[in-house]
Amino acid sequence: MDVLDAEIEMGVDEFGKLLKLRIVETDGENLSIKFLDEQMIGIEDKREQASKAGKRSAEVRKRKAEAQRAFNGRSTESNREEKSREEEDKEKSKKIRELTFREQVAKHSYSDKLKSDFCDYWTESKPKGRKLRFELQPTFDISRRLKKWESNNFGKKTDTGVVLTERLKDEDYLN
């Protein structure tokens, strides 16, 4: 605002009082209010500091994000490789445990078919299971389990109808 406009707006007397109290200053043409100018300088300083701090913060976040993306890229790849190795190790361990079980069963004197069926049954696991069926049992004595397996005719593929037919034939033969 220029001096003439201020005098018209406020009135000459009021404008004169402001000049006398040095609240308003003039260079003849332009009008300035010293305390508002000081406040404006302070505000501009704070705004500039905040802007610089924001730019620094943005730069730090950008570097962190780039580092995280780079890390995640390597990390994901290495995690996949590590998981793959762990899965392979688990599979190898499972195979070794199964072979050990089969070797222990092979030492017993039962028919090969019975031992094979017994091993096939007790070394079964869920698709992604870590343990074999026999490992899930609270107690497992191979000798006793084999004996029970044989006495119950487990593993034999007998159809009730076939067994009944064989009995009928035997009874016809006997009569």
N, C-alpha and C. Protein backbone atom coordinates (compact mmCIF):
# COMPACT_ATOMS: atom_id res chain seq x y z
N MET A 1 0.85 -1.15 0.00
CA MET A 1 0.00 0.00 0.00
C MET A 1 0.91 1.24 0.00
N ASP A 2 0.52 2.22 -0.79
CA ASP A 2 1.35 3.42 -0.79
C ASP A 2 0.82 4.42 0.24
N VAL A 3 1.60 5.46 0.47
CA VAL A 3 1.33 6.41 1.54
C VAL A 3 0.01 7.14 1.31
N LEU A 4 -0.25 7.56 0.09
CA LEU A 4 -1.47 8.31 -0.22
C LEU A 4 -2.71 7.47 0.06
N ASP A 5 -2.67 6.21 -0.36
CA ASP A 5 -3.82 5.32 -0.11
C ASP A 5 -4.04 5.11 1.38
N ALA A 6 -2.96 5.00 2.16
CA ALA A 6 -3.07 4.80 3.60
C ALA A 6 -3.68 6.02 4.27
N GLU A 7 -3.28 7.23 3.85
CA GLU A 7 -3.83 8.44 4.42
C GLU A 7 -5.32 8.55 4.13
N ILE A 8 -5.71 8.18 2.93
CA ILE A 8 -7.13 8.26 2.56
C ILE A 8 -7.92 7.23 3.35
N GLU A 9 -7.40 6.01 3.43
CA GLU A 9 -8.10 4.90 4.10
C GLU A 9 -8.26 5.15 5.60
N MET A 10 -7.19 5.60 6.27
CA MET A 10 -7.23 5.76 7.73
C MET A 10 -7.58 7.17 8.17
N GLY A 11 -7.35 8.05 7.35
CA GLY A 11 -7.51 9.45 7.74
C GLY A 11 -6.13 9.99 8.08
N VAL A 12 -5.93 11.26 7.82
CA VAL A 12 -4.63 11.89 8.00
C VAL A 12 -4.21 11.86 9.47
N ASP A 13 -5.12 12.11 10.39
CA ASP A 13 -4.77 12.14 11.82
C ASP A 13 -4.32 10.78 12.31
N GLU A 14 -5.11 9.76 12.00
CA GLU A 14 -4.76 8.40 12.45
C GLU A 14 -3.44 7.96 11.84
N PHE A 15 -3.26 8.25 10.56
CA PHE A 15 -2.03 7.86 9.88
C PHE A 15 -0.84 8.59 10.49
N GLY A 16 -1.02 9.82 10.85
CA GLY A 16 0.02 10.62 11.50
C GLY A 16 0.41 10.02 12.85
N LYS A 17 -0.58 9.56 13.65
CA LYS A 17 -0.30 8.95 14.94
C LYS A 17 0.56 7.68 14.76
N LEU A 18 0.21 6.89 13.75
CA LEU A 18 0.98 5.66 13.50
C LEU A 18 2.42 5.98 13.10
N LEU A 19 2.60 7.02 12.33
CA LEU A 19 3.96 7.44 11.95
C LEU A 19 4.72 7.95 13.16
N LYS A 20 4.05 8.75 14.03
CA LYS A 20 4.69 9.30 15.20
C LYS A 20 5.12 8.21 16.16
N LEU A 21 4.27 7.14 16.33
CA LEU A 21 4.61 6.03 17.22
C LEU A 21 5.58 5.03 16.55
N ARG A 22 5.93 5.32 15.34
CA ARG A 22 6.83 4.48 14.54
C ARG A 22 6.30 3.05 14.34
N ILE A 23 5.01 2.92 14.33
CA ILE A 23 4.39 1.63 14.01
C ILE A 23 4.43 1.45 12.50
N VAL A 24 4.22 2.55 11.82
CA VAL A 24 4.27 2.54 10.36
C VAL A 24 5.44 3.41 9.94
N GLU A 25 6.14 2.97 8.91
CA GLU A 25 7.25 3.76 8.37
C GLU A 25 7.03 3.92 6.88
N THR A 26 7.60 5.02 6.39
CA THR A 26 7.45 5.28 4.97
C THR A 26 8.77 5.81 4.41
N ASP A 27 9.00 5.47 3.16
CA ASP A 27 10.18 6.00 2.48
C ASP A 27 9.76 7.12 1.53
N GLY A 28 8.56 7.61 1.74
CA GLY A 28 8.03 8.69 0.91
C GLY A 28 6.98 8.16 -0.04
N GLU A 29 7.22 7.00 -0.57
CA GLU A 29 6.29 6.44 -1.54
C GLU A 29 5.62 5.16 -1.03
N ASN A 30 6.41 4.28 -0.43
CA ASN A 30 5.90 2.99 0.06
C ASN A 30 5.74 3.00 1.56
N LEU A 31 4.84 2.19 2.03
CA LEU A 31 4.51 2.10 3.43
C LEU A 31 4.96 0.73 3.94
N SER A 32 5.54 0.68 5.14
CA SER A 32 5.92 -0.60 5.74
C SER A 32 5.61 -0.57 7.22
N ILE A 33 5.26 -1.78 7.72
CA ILE A 33 4.97 -1.92 9.15
C ILE A 33 6.07 -2.81 9.69
N LYS A 34 6.92 -2.21 10.53
CA LYS A 34 8.15 -2.85 10.95
C LYS A 34 7.92 -4.18 11.66
N PHE A 35 7.01 -4.27 12.64
CA PHE A 35 6.85 -5.52 13.39
C PHE A 35 6.28 -6.63 12.50
N LEU A 36 5.45 -6.24 11.52
CA LEU A 36 4.93 -7.25 10.59
C LEU A 36 6.04 -7.73 9.64
N ASP A 37 6.89 -6.80 9.23
CA ASP A 37 8.02 -7.19 8.37
C ASP A 37 8.95 -8.15 9.12
N GLU A 38 9.18 -7.87 10.43
CA GLU A 38 10.03 -8.76 11.23
C GLU A 38 9.40 -10.14 11.36
N GLN A 39 8.06 -10.14 11.60
CA GLN A 39 7.38 -11.42 11.70
C GLN A 39 7.46 -12.19 10.37
N MET A 40 7.32 -11.46 9.28
CA MET A 40 7.37 -12.09 7.97
C MET A 40 8.75 -12.69 7.70
N ILE A 41 9.80 -12.00 8.13
CA ILE A 41 11.16 -12.52 7.98
C ILE A 41 11.31 -13.81 8.79
N GLY A 42 10.78 -13.78 10.03
CA GLY A 42 10.83 -14.98 10.88
C GLY A 42 10.07 -16.14 10.25
N ILE A 43 8.90 -15.84 9.70
CA ILE A 43 8.09 -16.88 9.05
C ILE A 43 8.82 -17.44 7.84
N GLU A 44 9.41 -16.55 7.05
CA GLU A 44 10.14 -17.01 5.86
C GLU A 44 11.35 -17.85 6.25
N ASP A 45 12.05 -17.46 7.34
CA ASP A 45 13.18 -18.26 7.83
C ASP A 45 12.72 -19.66 8.24
N LYS A 46 11.63 -19.70 8.99
CA LYS A 46 11.10 -21.01 9.43
C LYS A 46 10.66 -21.85 8.24
N ARG A 47 10.01 -21.20 7.28
CA ARG A 47 9.55 -21.92 6.09
C ARG A 47 10.73 -22.49 5.32
N GLU A 48 11.79 -21.68 5.21
CA GLU A 48 12.99 -22.14 4.50
C GLU A 48 13.66 -23.29 5.25
N GLN A 49 13.74 -23.20 6.58
CA GLN A 49 14.31 -24.29 7.38
C GLN A 49 13.49 -25.57 7.24
N ALA A 50 12.15 -25.41 7.28
CA ALA A 50 11.27 -26.57 7.14
C ALA A 50 11.42 -27.19 5.76
N SER A 51 11.56 -26.35 4.76
CA SER A 51 11.73 -26.84 3.39
C SER A 51 13.03 -27.64 3.25
N LYS A 52 14.11 -27.07 3.81
CA LYS A 52 15.40 -27.78 3.77
C LYS A 52 15.32 -29.10 4.53
N ALA A 53 14.69 -29.08 5.71
CA ALA A 53 14.56 -30.30 6.51
C ALA A 53 13.72 -31.34 5.76
N GLY A 54 12.66 -30.89 5.11
CA GLY A 54 11.81 -31.79 4.32
C GLY A 54 12.58 -32.42 3.17
N LYS A 55 13.40 -31.60 2.50
CA LYS A 55 14.21 -32.12 1.38
C LYS A 55 15.23 -33.14 1.87
N ARG A 56 15.86 -32.83 3.04
CA ARG A 56 16.83 -33.78 3.61
C ARG A 56 16.12 -35.08 3.98
N SER A 57 14.97 -34.95 4.61
CA SER A 57 14.20 -36.13 5.02
C SER A 57 13.78 -36.96 3.80
N ALA A 58 13.34 -36.28 2.76
CA ALA A 58 12.94 -36.98 1.54
C ALA A 58 14.13 -37.72 0.94
N GLU A 59 15.29 -37.09 0.96
CA GLU A 59 16.50 -37.73 0.42
C GLU A 59 16.87 -38.96 1.24
N VAL A 60 16.79 -38.84 2.56
CA VAL A 60 17.10 -39.98 3.43
C VAL A 60 16.11 -41.12 3.16
N ARG A 61 14.81 -40.80 3.08
CA ARG A 61 13.80 -41.83 2.81
C ARG A 61 14.04 -42.48 1.44
N LYS A 62 14.43 -41.67 0.47
CA LYS A 62 14.70 -42.19 -0.86
C LYS A 62 15.87 -43.17 -0.82
N ARG A 63 16.95 -42.80 -0.12
CA ARG A 63 18.11 -43.70 -0.02
C ARG A 63 17.74 -44.98 0.72
N LYS A 64 16.95 -44.85 1.80
CA LYS A 64 16.52 -46.04 2.55
C LYS A 64 15.67 -46.95 1.67
N ALA A 65 14.75 -46.34 0.92
CA ALA A 65 13.88 -47.13 0.04
C ALA A 65 14.70 -47.85 -1.02
N GLU A 66 15.68 -47.16 -1.60
CA GLU A 66 16.53 -47.79 -2.62
C GLU A 66 17.33 -48.93 -2.00
N ALA A 67 17.86 -48.69 -0.81
CA ALA A 67 18.63 -49.74 -0.12
C ALA A 67 17.72 -50.92 0.21
N GLN A 68 16.51 -50.65 0.65
CA GLN A 68 15.57 -51.72 1.00
C GLN A 68 15.19 -52.51 -0.24
N ARG A 69 14.94 -51.81 -1.37
CA ARG A 69 14.62 -52.52 -2.62
C ARG A 69 15.77 -53.40 -3.04
N ALA A 70 16.98 -52.88 -2.93
CA ALA A 70 18.15 -53.67 -3.30
C ALA A 70 18.30 -54.86 -2.37
N PHE A 71 18.11 -54.64 -1.08
CA PHE A 71 18.20 -55.72 -0.10
C PHE A 71 17.12 -56.77 -0.33
N ASN A 72 15.88 -56.29 -0.55
CA ASN A 72 14.77 -57.21 -0.77
C ASN A 72 14.99 -58.06 -2.01
N GLY A 73 15.53 -57.47 -3.03
CA GLY A 73 15.82 -58.23 -4.25
C GLY A 73 16.79 -59.36 -3.96
N ARG A 74 17.88 -59.05 -3.26
CA ARG A 74 18.86 -60.09 -2.91
C ARG A 74 18.27 -61.02 -1.88
N SER A 75 17.55 -60.46 -0.94
CA SER A 75 17.01 -61.24 0.16
C SER A 75 16.00 -62.27 -0.34
N THR A 76 15.13 -61.85 -1.23
CA THR A 76 14.11 -62.77 -1.75
C THR A 76 14.78 -63.92 -2.48
N GLU A 77 15.75 -63.58 -3.29
CA GLU A 77 16.46 -64.62 -4.04
C GLU A 77 17.20 -65.56 -3.10
N SER A 78 17.91 -65.02 -2.13
CA SER A 78 18.66 -65.87 -1.21
C SER A 78 17.72 -66.65 -0.31
N ASN A 79 16.58 -66.05 0.06
CA ASN A 79 15.59 -66.78 0.86
C ASN A 79 15.04 -67.97 0.08
N ARG A 80 14.77 -67.77 -1.20
CA ARG A 80 14.27 -68.87 -2.03
C ARG A 80 15.30 -69.99 -2.09
N GLU A 81 16.55 -69.61 -2.29
CA GLU A 81 17.60 -70.62 -2.36
C GLU A 81 17.73 -71.36 -1.03
N GLU A 82 17.68 -70.60 0.06
CA GLU A 82 17.80 -71.21 1.38
C GLU A 82 16.63 -72.15 1.66
N LYS A 83 15.41 -71.73 1.33
CA LYS A 83 14.25 -72.58 1.53
C LYS A 83 14.35 -73.83 0.67
N SER A 84 14.83 -73.67 -0.54
CA SER A 84 14.99 -74.81 -1.43
C SER A 84 15.99 -75.81 -0.84
N ARG A 85 17.10 -75.28 -0.31
CA ARG A 85 18.10 -76.16 0.33
C ARG A 85 17.51 -76.85 1.55
N GLU A 86 16.74 -76.11 2.35
CA GLU A 86 16.12 -76.69 3.54
C GLU A 86 15.16 -77.81 3.15
N GLU A 87 14.36 -77.57 2.10
CA GLU A 87 13.43 -78.60 1.64
C GLU A 87 14.19 -79.84 1.16
N GLU A 88 15.28 -79.61 0.44
CA GLU A 88 16.09 -80.74 -0.03
C GLU A 88 16.66 -81.51 1.15
N ASP A 89 17.15 -80.79 2.15
CA ASP A 89 17.71 -81.43 3.35
C ASP A 89 16.64 -82.24 4.07
N LYS A 90 15.44 -81.69 4.17
CA LYS A 90 14.35 -82.40 4.83
C LYS A 90 14.01 -83.67 4.06
N GLU A 91 13.97 -83.56 2.74
CA GLU A 91 13.66 -84.74 1.92
C GLU A 91 14.75 -85.80 2.06
N LYS A 92 16.01 -85.37 2.05
CA LYS A 92 17.11 -86.32 2.23
C LYS A 92 17.02 -86.99 3.59
N SER A 93 16.75 -86.21 4.61
CA SER A 93 16.62 -86.75 5.97
C SER A 93 15.49 -87.76 6.03
N LYS A 94 14.38 -87.44 5.40
CA LYS A 94 13.22 -88.33 5.38
C LYS A 94 13.57 -89.64 4.66
N LYS A 95 14.27 -89.54 3.54
CA LYS A 95 14.68 -90.75 2.78
C LYS A 95 15.62 -91.61 3.62
N ILE A 96 16.54 -90.97 4.30
CA ILE A 96 17.50 -91.72 5.14
C ILE A 96 16.76 -92.44 6.26
N ARG A 97 15.82 -91.75 6.90
CA ARG A 97 15.04 -92.39 7.97
C ARG A 97 14.23 -93.56 7.44
N GLU A 98 13.67 -93.39 6.23
CA GLU A 98 12.90 -94.48 5.62
C GLU A 98 13.80 -95.67 5.31
N LEU A 99 14.97 -95.41 4.74
CA LEU A 99 15.90 -96.50 4.43
C LEU A 99 16.35 -97.22 5.69
N THR A 100 16.62 -96.48 6.74
CA THR A 100 17.02 -97.07 8.02
C THR A 100 15.90 -97.97 8.54
N PHE A 101 14.68 -97.52 8.45
CA PHE A 101 13.54 -98.31 8.89
C PHE A 101 13.44 -99.60 8.07
N ARG A 102 13.55 -99.47 6.75
CA ARG A 102 13.46 -100.64 5.87
C ARG A 102 14.59 -101.64 6.18
N GLU A 103 15.77 -101.14 6.49
CA GLU A 103 16.89 -102.04 6.84
C GLU A 103 16.59 -102.79 8.14
N GLN A 104 16.01 -102.10 9.10
CA GLN A 104 15.67 -102.75 10.37
C GLN A 104 14.59 -103.82 10.17
N VAL A 105 13.63 -103.55 9.31
CA VAL A 105 12.57 -104.52 9.02
C VAL A 105 13.14 -105.71 8.26
N ALA A 106 14.07 -105.46 7.36
CA ALA A 106 14.65 -106.52 6.54
C ALA A 106 15.36 -107.57 7.39
N LYS A 107 15.80 -107.23 8.56
CA LYS A 107 16.52 -108.16 9.44
C LYS A 107 15.60 -109.26 9.99
N HIS A 108 14.29 -109.04 9.95
CA HIS A 108 13.34 -110.00 10.51
C HIS A 108 13.00 -111.09 9.48
N SER A 109 12.62 -112.22 9.98
CA SER A 109 12.36 -113.37 9.11
C SER A 109 10.87 -113.52 8.80
N TYR A 110 10.40 -112.68 7.93
CA TYR A 110 9.03 -112.76 7.41
C TYR A 110 9.16 -112.74 5.89
N SER A 111 8.07 -113.01 5.20
CA SER A 111 8.13 -113.02 3.74
C SER A 111 8.46 -111.62 3.22
N ASP A 112 9.10 -111.58 2.07
CA ASP A 112 9.47 -110.28 1.49
C ASP A 112 8.23 -109.44 1.19
N LYS A 113 7.16 -110.08 0.75
CA LYS A 113 5.91 -109.36 0.46
C LYS A 113 5.37 -108.72 1.72
N LEU A 114 5.33 -109.46 2.81
CA LEU A 114 4.82 -108.93 4.08
C LEU A 114 5.69 -107.76 4.54
N LYS A 115 7.00 -107.92 4.49
CA LYS A 115 7.90 -106.83 4.93
C LYS A 115 7.75 -105.60 4.03
N SER A 116 7.59 -105.84 2.74
CA SER A 116 7.44 -104.72 1.80
C SER A 116 6.14 -103.96 2.08
N ASP A 117 5.03 -104.70 2.24
CA ASP A 117 3.75 -104.06 2.55
C ASP A 117 3.81 -103.31 3.88
N PHE A 118 4.44 -103.93 4.87
CA PHE A 118 4.61 -103.33 6.19
C PHE A 118 5.38 -102.01 6.07
N CYS A 119 6.49 -102.03 5.36
CA CYS A 119 7.31 -100.81 5.19
C CYS A 119 6.56 -99.73 4.41
N ASP A 120 5.87 -100.15 3.35
CA ASP A 120 5.12 -99.17 2.57
C ASP A 120 4.08 -98.46 3.43
N TYR A 121 3.42 -99.21 4.28
CA TYR A 121 2.39 -98.64 5.15
C TYR A 121 3.01 -97.70 6.19
N TRP A 122 4.05 -98.16 6.89
CA TRP A 122 4.59 -97.40 8.02
C TRP A 122 5.54 -96.27 7.62
N THR A 123 5.95 -96.21 6.37
CA THR A 123 6.83 -95.11 5.94
C THR A 123 6.06 -94.06 5.14
N GLU A 124 4.76 -94.16 5.15
CA GLU A 124 3.92 -93.18 4.48
C GLU A 124 3.93 -91.88 5.27
N SER A 125 3.76 -90.76 4.57
CA SER A 125 3.64 -89.46 5.25
C SER A 125 2.67 -88.59 4.46
N LYS A 126 2.27 -87.51 5.08
CA LYS A 126 1.40 -86.55 4.39
C LYS A 126 2.21 -85.89 3.28
N PRO A 127 1.53 -85.28 2.30
CA PRO A 127 2.26 -84.69 1.17
C PRO A 127 3.42 -83.78 1.58
N LYS A 128 3.19 -82.91 2.54
CA LYS A 128 4.27 -82.04 3.00
C LYS A 128 4.66 -82.37 4.43
N GLY A 129 4.31 -83.58 4.85
CA GLY A 129 4.61 -84.00 6.20
C GLY A 129 6.09 -84.21 6.42
N ARG A 130 6.54 -83.93 7.61
CA ARG A 130 7.95 -84.09 7.95
C ARG A 130 8.23 -85.47 8.51
N LYS A 131 7.22 -86.07 9.13
CA LYS A 131 7.44 -87.34 9.81
C LYS A 131 6.78 -88.48 9.05
N LEU A 132 7.39 -89.63 9.18
CA LEU A 132 6.82 -90.84 8.62
C LEU A 132 5.80 -91.39 9.62
N ARG A 133 4.90 -92.23 9.13
CA ARG A 133 3.80 -92.72 9.97
C ARG A 133 4.31 -93.36 11.26
N PHE A 134 5.35 -94.20 11.17
CA PHE A 134 5.83 -94.88 12.38
C PHE A 134 6.41 -93.90 13.39
N GLU A 135 6.90 -92.74 12.92
CA GLU A 135 7.47 -91.74 13.83
C GLU A 135 6.39 -90.99 14.61
N LEU A 136 5.17 -91.07 14.14
CA LEU A 136 4.07 -90.38 14.81
C LEU A 136 3.51 -91.20 15.97
N GLN A 137 3.91 -92.46 16.06
CA GLN A 137 3.41 -93.34 17.13
C GLN A 137 4.17 -93.07 18.43
N PRO A 138 3.45 -93.09 19.56
CA PRO A 138 4.13 -92.86 20.85
C PRO A 138 5.16 -93.95 21.14
N THR A 139 4.83 -95.19 20.77
CA THR A 139 5.78 -96.30 20.92
C THR A 139 5.73 -97.11 19.63
N PHE A 140 6.88 -97.67 19.28
CA PHE A 140 6.92 -98.46 18.04
C PHE A 140 8.04 -99.48 18.15
N ASP A 141 7.67 -100.74 18.32
CA ASP A 141 8.62 -101.84 18.36
C ASP A 141 8.41 -102.64 17.08
N ILE A 142 9.39 -102.64 16.21
CA ILE A 142 9.25 -103.29 14.90
C ILE A 142 8.88 -104.76 15.03
N SER A 143 9.54 -105.48 15.93
CA SER A 143 9.26 -106.91 16.10
C SER A 143 7.79 -107.14 16.44
N ARG A 144 7.30 -106.41 17.41
CA ARG A 144 5.92 -106.59 17.84
C ARG A 144 4.93 -106.15 16.75
N ARG A 145 5.24 -105.07 16.08
CA ARG A 145 4.35 -104.59 15.03
C ARG A 145 4.31 -105.59 13.87
N LEU A 146 5.46 -106.16 13.51
CA LEU A 146 5.49 -107.15 12.44
C LEU A 146 4.68 -108.40 12.82
N LYS A 147 4.82 -108.83 14.04
CA LYS A 147 4.10 -110.00 14.53
C LYS A 147 2.59 -109.75 14.44
N LYS A 148 2.13 -108.59 14.89
CA LYS A 148 0.72 -108.24 14.84
C LYS A 148 0.26 -108.10 13.40
N TRP A 149 1.11 -107.50 12.57
CA TRP A 149 0.81 -107.32 11.14
C TRP A 149 0.52 -108.68 10.50
N GLU A 150 1.37 -109.64 10.80
CA GLU A 150 1.21 -110.98 10.21
C GLU A 150 -0.05 -111.65 10.77
N SER A 151 -0.27 -111.58 12.06
CA SER A 151 -1.42 -112.27 12.66
C SER A 151 -2.75 -111.68 12.20
N ASN A 152 -2.78 -110.41 11.88
CA ASN A 152 -4.02 -109.77 11.41
C ASN A 152 -4.17 -109.81 9.90
N ASN A 153 -3.19 -110.40 9.22
CA ASN A 153 -3.21 -110.48 7.75
C ASN A 153 -3.23 -109.09 7.11
N PHE A 154 -2.61 -108.10 7.78
CA PHE A 154 -2.53 -106.78 7.19
C PHE A 154 -1.66 -106.86 5.94
N GLY A 155 -1.98 -106.05 4.99
CA GLY A 155 -1.18 -106.01 3.79
C GLY A 155 -1.60 -107.03 2.77
N LYS A 156 -2.37 -108.03 3.16
CA LYS A 156 -2.83 -109.02 2.19
C LYS A 156 -4.09 -108.49 1.54
N LYS A 157 -4.11 -108.58 0.26
CA LYS A 157 -5.26 -108.08 -0.47
C LYS A 157 -6.25 -109.21 -0.64
N THR A 158 -7.08 -109.40 0.36
CA THR A 158 -8.08 -110.47 0.31
C THR A 158 -9.45 -109.84 0.29
N ASP A 159 -10.25 -110.33 -0.59
CA ASP A 159 -11.62 -109.85 -0.71
C ASP A 159 -12.49 -110.82 0.07
N THR A 160 -13.41 -110.34 0.83
CA THR A 160 -14.27 -111.20 1.65
C THR A 160 -14.97 -112.23 0.77
N GLY A 161 -15.40 -111.81 -0.38
CA GLY A 161 -16.06 -112.73 -1.31
C GLY A 161 -15.15 -113.86 -1.75
N VAL A 162 -13.90 -113.53 -2.03
CA VAL A 162 -12.93 -114.53 -2.47
C VAL A 162 -12.69 -115.54 -1.35
N VAL A 163 -12.51 -115.06 -0.13
CA VAL A 163 -12.27 -115.94 1.00
C VAL A 163 -13.48 -116.84 1.20
N LEU A 164 -14.68 -116.26 1.12
CA LEU A 164 -15.91 -117.05 1.29
C LEU A 164 -16.01 -118.11 0.20
N THR A 165 -15.68 -117.78 -1.03
CA THR A 165 -15.73 -118.74 -2.13
C THR A 165 -14.77 -119.88 -1.87
N GLU A 166 -13.56 -119.55 -1.39
CA GLU A 166 -12.58 -120.59 -1.11
C GLU A 166 -13.08 -121.51 -0.01
N ARG A 167 -13.77 -120.97 0.99
CA ARG A 167 -14.32 -121.79 2.06
C ARG A 167 -15.40 -122.72 1.53
N LEU A 168 -16.23 -122.18 0.66
CA LEU A 168 -17.30 -123.00 0.08
C LEU A 168 -16.72 -124.16 -0.72
N LYS A 169 -15.67 -123.88 -1.46
CA LYS A 169 -15.02 -124.94 -2.23
C LYS A 169 -14.47 -126.01 -1.28
N ASP A 170 -13.82 -125.54 -0.20
CA ASP A 170 -13.27 -126.49 0.76
C ASP A 170 -14.37 -127.35 1.38
N GLU A 171 -15.52 -126.70 1.69
CA GLU A 171 -16.62 -127.44 2.31
C GLU A 171 -17.21 -128.43 1.30
N ASP A 172 -17.31 -128.06 0.02
CA ASP A 172 -17.82 -128.97 -1.00
C ASP A 172 -16.88 -130.15 -1.14
N TYR A 173 -15.61 -129.87 -1.06
CA TYR A 173 -14.60 -130.92 -1.20
C TYR A 173 -14.72 -131.91 -0.04
N LEU A 174 -14.95 -131.33 1.16
CA LEU A 174 -15.04 -132.18 2.35
C LEU A 174 -16.30 -133.04 2.33
N ASN A 175 -17.37 -132.60 1.74
CA ASN A 175 -18.63 -133.38 1.74
C ASN A 175 -18.62 -134.39 0.70
